[in-house]
Amino acid sequence: MNLEKTNLDIGKKHEGKVRDSYFLEDKIIMITTDRISAFDVVLGTIPCKGQILNQLSAFWFGETEHIIQNHLIEVPDPNTLVVKRCNPIPLEIIVRGHIRRPDNSWKEIETPIVTPTTKAAKGFHDQPITKEEIIGTGVLTEKEYEEIKYKALELFNFGKNLTLSKGEEFTLLDTKYEFARGADGKLVLIDEIHTPDSSRTKGQYDKEFLRTWLKERGYSGNGAIPEIPEDVKSELFSRYARFYEAVIGTKFVPEKDNSEKRIKRNLRNAGYLR
């Protein structure tokens, strides 16, 4: 059974494309569902996708603490993170280590580049934004922008080297990061990191496989959505699971009880639900 949505009687709920977030006074309960999106449209569910993304994010948050602090408090459930409430910076920081050639092959860039985008509201597309626009509109000072750029590049180089050590086909081509300010004003890494949803890899162990399949059928976010057959969903799950296993180094074991009931039980045991 795929986890499509949750409805917990706690805090204020925000439903994103993939995550259901429940805002408490000083924490957020982030539940990663099995929803899959492409071109900013939710297209259905993929088996165990939420568990894979959630556990990968938890792994990477732990591995990158020496670079930057993050919002993770604990992982009470395979699909759930409890994180600190911070003040999100309304940008997505894209780091590119490769660029796509006209023949769809990838060319490595000698020095990775940072290309920020806006963080659009649900139903709208993120838009490229320059350093000058970010500073000119007061989103960040120049010093803050340079700090974020430096940390994003450091995170990317760390992730690229780790994934390359697992096999060239798993190497990160590009990825996106989101940052916030903590209560102390310091920079905090939030959301997710180096997952198949937020990154692209050389061997397409990521969402690019689905994007390519959709484009081949004439869909890029507008018009009728092609029905995704079970074999395509199964292949995407397999690719996500292989990336998980390569990075973490253990076999992926799906939860037998993939349900809101299990999540509630684990949250109750952790003291977040009555």
Protein backbone atom coordinates (compact mmCIF):
# COMPACT_ATOMS: atom_id res chain seq x y z
CA MET A 1 0.00 0.00 0.00
CA ASN A 2 1.40 3.37 -1.01
CA LEU A 3 1.30 6.31 1.39
CA GLU A 4 -0.58 8.99 -0.54
CA LYS A 5 -1.53 11.41 2.24
CA THR A 6 -1.81 11.85 5.97
CA ASN A 7 -4.25 13.63 8.25
CA LEU A 8 -2.84 14.01 11.75
CA ASP A 9 -4.73 15.83 14.47
CA ILE A 10 -1.75 17.94 15.45
CA GLY A 11 -0.49 21.43 14.67
CA LYS A 12 -1.18 23.29 11.45
CA LYS A 13 -0.90 21.19 8.31
CA HIS A 14 0.82 22.28 5.11
CA GLU A 15 0.57 19.90 2.15
CA GLY A 16 3.40 20.20 -0.34
CA LYS A 17 3.92 18.23 -3.53
CA VAL A 18 5.59 15.39 -1.63
CA ARG A 19 5.58 16.20 2.09
CA ASP A 20 2.83 16.73 4.63
CA SER A 21 4.21 19.09 7.28
CA TYR A 22 2.61 19.70 10.66
CA PHE A 23 3.73 22.93 12.34
CA LEU A 24 4.02 22.94 16.12
CA GLU A 25 5.23 25.86 18.25
CA ASP A 26 8.94 25.17 17.84
CA LYS A 27 9.05 22.03 15.69
CA ILE A 28 7.73 20.66 12.41
CA ILE A 29 6.70 17.05 11.85
CA MET A 30 7.61 16.37 8.22
CA ILE A 31 6.09 13.27 6.68
CA THR A 32 7.46 12.22 3.30
CA THR A 33 4.67 10.52 1.37
CA ASP A 34 4.97 8.33 -1.72
CA ARG A 35 3.64 11.10 -3.96
CA ILE A 36 5.65 11.73 -7.11
CA SER A 37 5.72 15.04 -8.94
CA ALA A 38 7.28 16.28 -12.16
CA PHE A 39 7.05 19.71 -13.79
CA ASP A 40 5.45 20.92 -10.52
CA VAL A 41 2.49 18.54 -10.94
CA VAL A 42 1.66 15.62 -8.62
CA LEU A 43 1.35 12.53 -10.81
CA GLY A 44 0.46 9.74 -8.38
CA THR A 45 2.52 7.56 -6.05
CA ILE A 46 5.61 5.35 -6.27
CA PRO A 47 6.08 2.39 -3.89
CA CYS A 48 8.26 3.18 -0.86
CA LYS A 49 9.44 6.48 -2.33
CA GLY A 50 8.77 8.40 0.87
CA GLN A 51 10.71 5.97 3.02
CA ILE A 52 13.71 6.14 0.67
CA LEU A 53 13.76 9.94 0.51
CA ASN A 54 13.25 10.34 4.25
CA GLN A 55 15.99 7.93 5.23
CA LEU A 56 18.42 9.32 2.65
CA SER A 57 17.85 12.86 3.94
CA ALA A 58 18.47 11.72 7.51
CA PHE A 59 21.68 10.02 6.40
CA TRP A 60 22.97 13.07 4.53
CA PHE A 61 22.05 15.46 7.35
CA GLY A 62 24.23 13.36 9.63
CA GLU A 63 27.09 13.16 7.14
CA THR A 64 27.20 16.92 6.50
CA GLU A 65 26.97 18.29 10.06
CA HIS A 66 30.66 19.18 9.88
CA ILE A 67 29.86 21.56 6.99
CA ILE A 68 26.69 23.25 8.26
CA GLN A 69 24.09 22.77 10.99
CA ASN A 70 20.71 21.42 9.89
CA HIS A 71 17.17 21.35 11.20
CA LEU A 72 16.94 17.64 12.05
CA ILE A 73 15.93 16.72 15.61
CA GLU A 74 15.00 13.04 15.27
CA VAL A 75 13.61 10.32 13.00
CA PRO A 76 10.71 8.72 14.89
CA ASP A 77 9.39 6.84 11.84
CA PRO A 78 10.84 5.67 8.49
CA ASN A 79 8.76 8.30 6.65
CA THR A 80 9.02 11.04 9.26
CA LEU A 81 11.48 13.70 10.38
CA VAL A 82 10.96 15.97 13.36
CA VAL A 83 12.80 19.21 12.65
CA LYS A 84 13.37 22.63 14.22
CA ARG A 85 11.20 25.53 13.11
CA CYS A 86 13.43 28.07 11.38
CA ASN A 87 12.97 31.12 9.17
CA PRO A 88 13.20 29.80 5.60
CA ILE A 89 15.05 31.81 2.98
CA PRO A 90 12.73 31.96 -0.09
CA LEU A 91 15.29 30.60 -2.54
CA GLU A 92 16.34 27.28 -4.00
CA ILE A 93 20.10 27.13 -4.41
CA ILE A 94 20.92 24.98 -7.44
CA VAL A 95 24.47 23.73 -7.81
CA ARG A 96 25.48 22.34 -11.19
CA GLY A 97 28.57 20.22 -11.72
CA HIS A 98 27.57 19.25 -15.27
CA ILE A 99 25.64 20.87 -18.10
CA ARG A 100 23.49 19.08 -20.66
CA ARG A 101 24.71 19.09 -24.26
CA PRO A 102 22.28 19.41 -27.23
CA ASP A 103 22.47 15.62 -27.71
CA ASN A 104 21.34 15.17 -24.06
CA SER A 105 24.73 13.92 -22.91
CA TRP A 106 26.38 15.61 -19.94
CA LYS A 107 29.56 17.70 -19.88
CA GLU A 108 31.39 18.21 -16.62
CA ILE A 109 32.03 21.79 -15.57
CA GLU A 110 35.55 22.41 -14.29
CA THR A 111 34.18 24.46 -11.40
CA PRO A 112 30.58 23.84 -10.20
CA ILE A 113 28.29 26.84 -10.57
CA VAL A 114 25.47 28.17 -8.40
CA THR A 115 22.21 29.17 -10.12
CA PRO A 116 19.55 30.28 -7.59
CA THR A 117 15.83 30.24 -8.29
CA THR A 118 12.84 31.68 -6.52
CA LYS A 119 10.88 29.45 -4.15
CA ALA A 120 7.48 29.66 -5.82
CA ALA A 121 4.13 29.07 -4.13
CA LYS A 122 2.27 25.84 -4.84
CA GLY A 123 1.02 25.74 -8.42
CA PHE A 124 3.66 28.16 -9.73
CA HIS A 125 7.06 27.52 -11.28
CA ASP A 126 10.35 28.55 -9.69
CA GLN A 127 12.11 31.24 -11.71
CA PRO A 128 15.84 31.95 -12.14
CA ILE A 129 17.06 34.90 -10.09
CA THR A 130 20.43 36.64 -10.17
CA LYS A 131 22.69 37.53 -7.28
CA GLU A 132 22.01 41.19 -8.00
CA GLU A 133 18.24 40.69 -7.87
CA ILE A 134 18.50 38.73 -4.61
CA ILE A 135 20.51 41.51 -2.98
CA GLY A 136 18.53 44.33 -4.63
CA THR A 137 15.19 43.01 -3.37
CA GLY A 138 16.52 42.56 0.15
CA VAL A 139 16.20 38.78 0.29
CA LEU A 140 19.86 38.53 1.32
CA THR A 141 22.76 40.86 1.89
CA GLU A 142 25.85 40.30 -0.24
CA LYS A 143 27.62 38.76 2.75
CA GLU A 144 24.70 36.37 3.35
CA TYR A 145 24.57 35.42 -0.34
CA GLU A 146 28.29 34.61 -0.39
CA GLU A 147 27.92 32.54 2.78
CA ILE A 148 25.11 30.48 1.25
CA LYS A 149 26.99 30.07 -2.03
CA TYR A 150 30.10 28.87 -0.22
CA LYS A 151 28.17 26.36 1.90
CA ALA A 152 26.19 25.06 -1.11
CA LEU A 153 29.39 24.43 -3.07
CA GLU A 154 30.97 22.72 -0.06
CA LEU A 155 27.92 20.47 0.34
CA PHE A 156 27.86 19.65 -3.36
CA ASN A 157 31.55 18.74 -3.52
CA PHE A 158 31.16 16.53 -0.46
CA GLY A 159 28.10 14.80 -1.95
CA LYS A 160 29.72 14.40 -5.35
CA ASN A 161 32.84 12.82 -3.90
CA LEU A 162 30.86 10.44 -1.70
CA THR A 163 28.55 9.31 -4.51
CA LEU A 164 31.48 8.97 -6.93
CA SER A 165 33.15 6.65 -4.43
CA LYS A 166 30.09 4.36 -4.74
CA GLY A 167 30.38 4.13 -8.53
CA GLU A 168 30.63 6.66 -11.33
CA GLU A 169 26.99 6.11 -12.35
CA PHE A 170 25.82 7.39 -8.93
CA THR A 171 27.76 10.67 -9.16
CA LEU A 172 25.74 13.85 -8.57
CA LEU A 173 25.35 15.97 -11.69
CA ASP A 174 23.41 18.74 -9.99
CA THR A 175 21.25 19.25 -6.94
CA LYS A 176 19.30 21.85 -4.98
CA TYR A 177 19.52 23.07 -1.41
CA GLU A 178 17.26 25.10 0.83
CA PHE A 179 18.44 27.18 3.75
CA ALA A 180 16.95 29.04 6.69
CA ARG A 181 18.02 31.14 9.64
CA GLY A 182 17.84 29.54 13.07
CA ALA A 183 16.72 31.30 16.23
CA ASP A 184 20.33 32.40 16.73
CA GLY A 185 20.44 33.92 13.25
CA LYS A 186 22.90 31.31 11.95
CA LEU A 187 22.49 29.56 8.61
CA VAL A 188 20.66 26.21 8.73
CA LEU A 189 20.25 23.53 6.04
CA ILE A 190 16.60 22.46 5.72
CA ASP A 191 14.16 20.40 3.61
CA GLU A 192 16.02 17.46 1.99
CA ILE A 193 19.52 16.84 0.69
CA HIS A 194 21.05 14.71 -2.07
CA THR A 195 17.95 12.60 -2.74
CA PRO A 196 16.72 11.23 -6.09
CA ASP A 197 14.02 13.93 -6.03
CA SER A 198 16.37 16.87 -5.46
CA SER A 199 19.36 15.68 -7.50
CA ARG A 200 20.32 14.21 -10.83
CA THR A 201 22.89 11.42 -11.19
CA LYS A 202 24.93 10.09 -14.11
CA GLY A 203 23.03 6.81 -14.25
CA GLN A 204 19.57 8.41 -13.85
CA TYR A 205 18.98 6.96 -10.39
CA ASP A 206 16.60 9.85 -9.88
CA LYS A 207 13.40 11.53 -11.06
CA GLU A 208 14.96 12.44 -14.41
CA PHE A 209 14.02 8.95 -15.61
CA LEU A 210 10.33 9.84 -15.19
CA ARG A 211 10.74 13.32 -16.69
CA THR A 212 12.33 11.76 -19.79
CA TRP A 213 9.52 9.21 -20.06
CA LEU A 214 6.90 11.98 -19.87
CA LYS A 215 8.68 14.21 -22.40
CA GLU A 216 8.83 11.33 -24.87
CA ARG A 217 5.04 11.26 -24.67
CA GLY A 218 4.70 14.99 -25.21
CA TYR A 219 4.11 16.04 -21.61
CA SER A 220 6.14 18.80 -19.95
CA GLY A 221 3.65 20.10 -17.41
CA ASN A 222 0.78 21.17 -19.66
CA GLY A 223 -2.06 19.25 -21.24
CA ALA A 224 -3.31 15.77 -20.46
CA ILE A 225 -1.09 13.79 -18.09
CA PRO A 226 -0.11 10.40 -19.53
CA GLU A 227 -1.10 7.49 -17.30
CA ILE A 228 2.06 6.09 -15.76
CA PRO A 229 2.02 2.29 -16.11
CA GLU A 230 3.02 0.00 -13.27
CA ASP A 231 6.25 -1.12 -14.97
CA VAL A 232 7.46 2.50 -15.15
CA LYS A 233 6.59 3.04 -11.47
CA SER A 234 8.39 -0.19 -10.59
CA GLU A 235 11.47 0.86 -12.55
CA LEU A 236 11.56 4.25 -10.83
CA PHE A 237 11.29 2.57 -7.42
CA SER A 238 14.14 0.24 -8.40
CA ARG A 239 16.35 3.18 -9.37
CA TYR A 240 15.63 5.05 -6.15
CA ALA A 241 16.34 1.90 -4.12
CA ARG A 242 19.63 1.27 -5.93
CA PHE A 243 20.78 4.82 -5.19
CA TYR A 244 19.81 4.35 -1.53
CA GLU A 245 21.72 1.07 -1.31
CA ALA A 246 24.82 2.49 -3.03
CA VAL A 247 24.97 5.59 -0.82
CA ILE A 248 24.04 4.11 2.55
CA GLY A 249 25.68 0.74 1.92
CA THR A 250 22.85 -1.48 3.17
CA LYS A 251 19.99 -3.22 1.42
CA PHE A 252 16.76 -1.22 1.31
CA VAL A 253 14.05 -2.97 3.34
CA PRO A 254 10.53 -1.65 2.67
CA GLU A 255 8.23 -1.21 5.66
CA LYS A 256 5.56 -3.91 5.62
CA ASP A 257 3.05 -1.57 7.27
CA ASN A 258 3.29 1.53 5.05
CA SER A 259 0.40 3.43 6.51
CA GLU A 260 -0.68 6.51 8.44
CA LYS A 261 -1.61 4.16 11.28
CA ARG A 262 2.04 3.11 11.67
CA ILE A 263 3.18 6.75 11.56
CA LYS A 264 0.69 7.72 14.26
CA ARG A 265 1.81 4.82 16.43
CA ASN A 266 5.47 5.81 16.13
CA LEU A 267 4.73 9.49 16.77
CA ARG A 268 2.67 8.53 19.80
CA ASN A 269 5.54 6.41 21.13
CA ALA A 270 7.88 9.39 20.62
CA GLY A 271 5.52 11.67 22.58
CA TYR A 272 4.20 13.81 19.72
CA LEU A 273 0.67 12.40 19.67
CA ARG A 274 -1.67 11.42 22.47
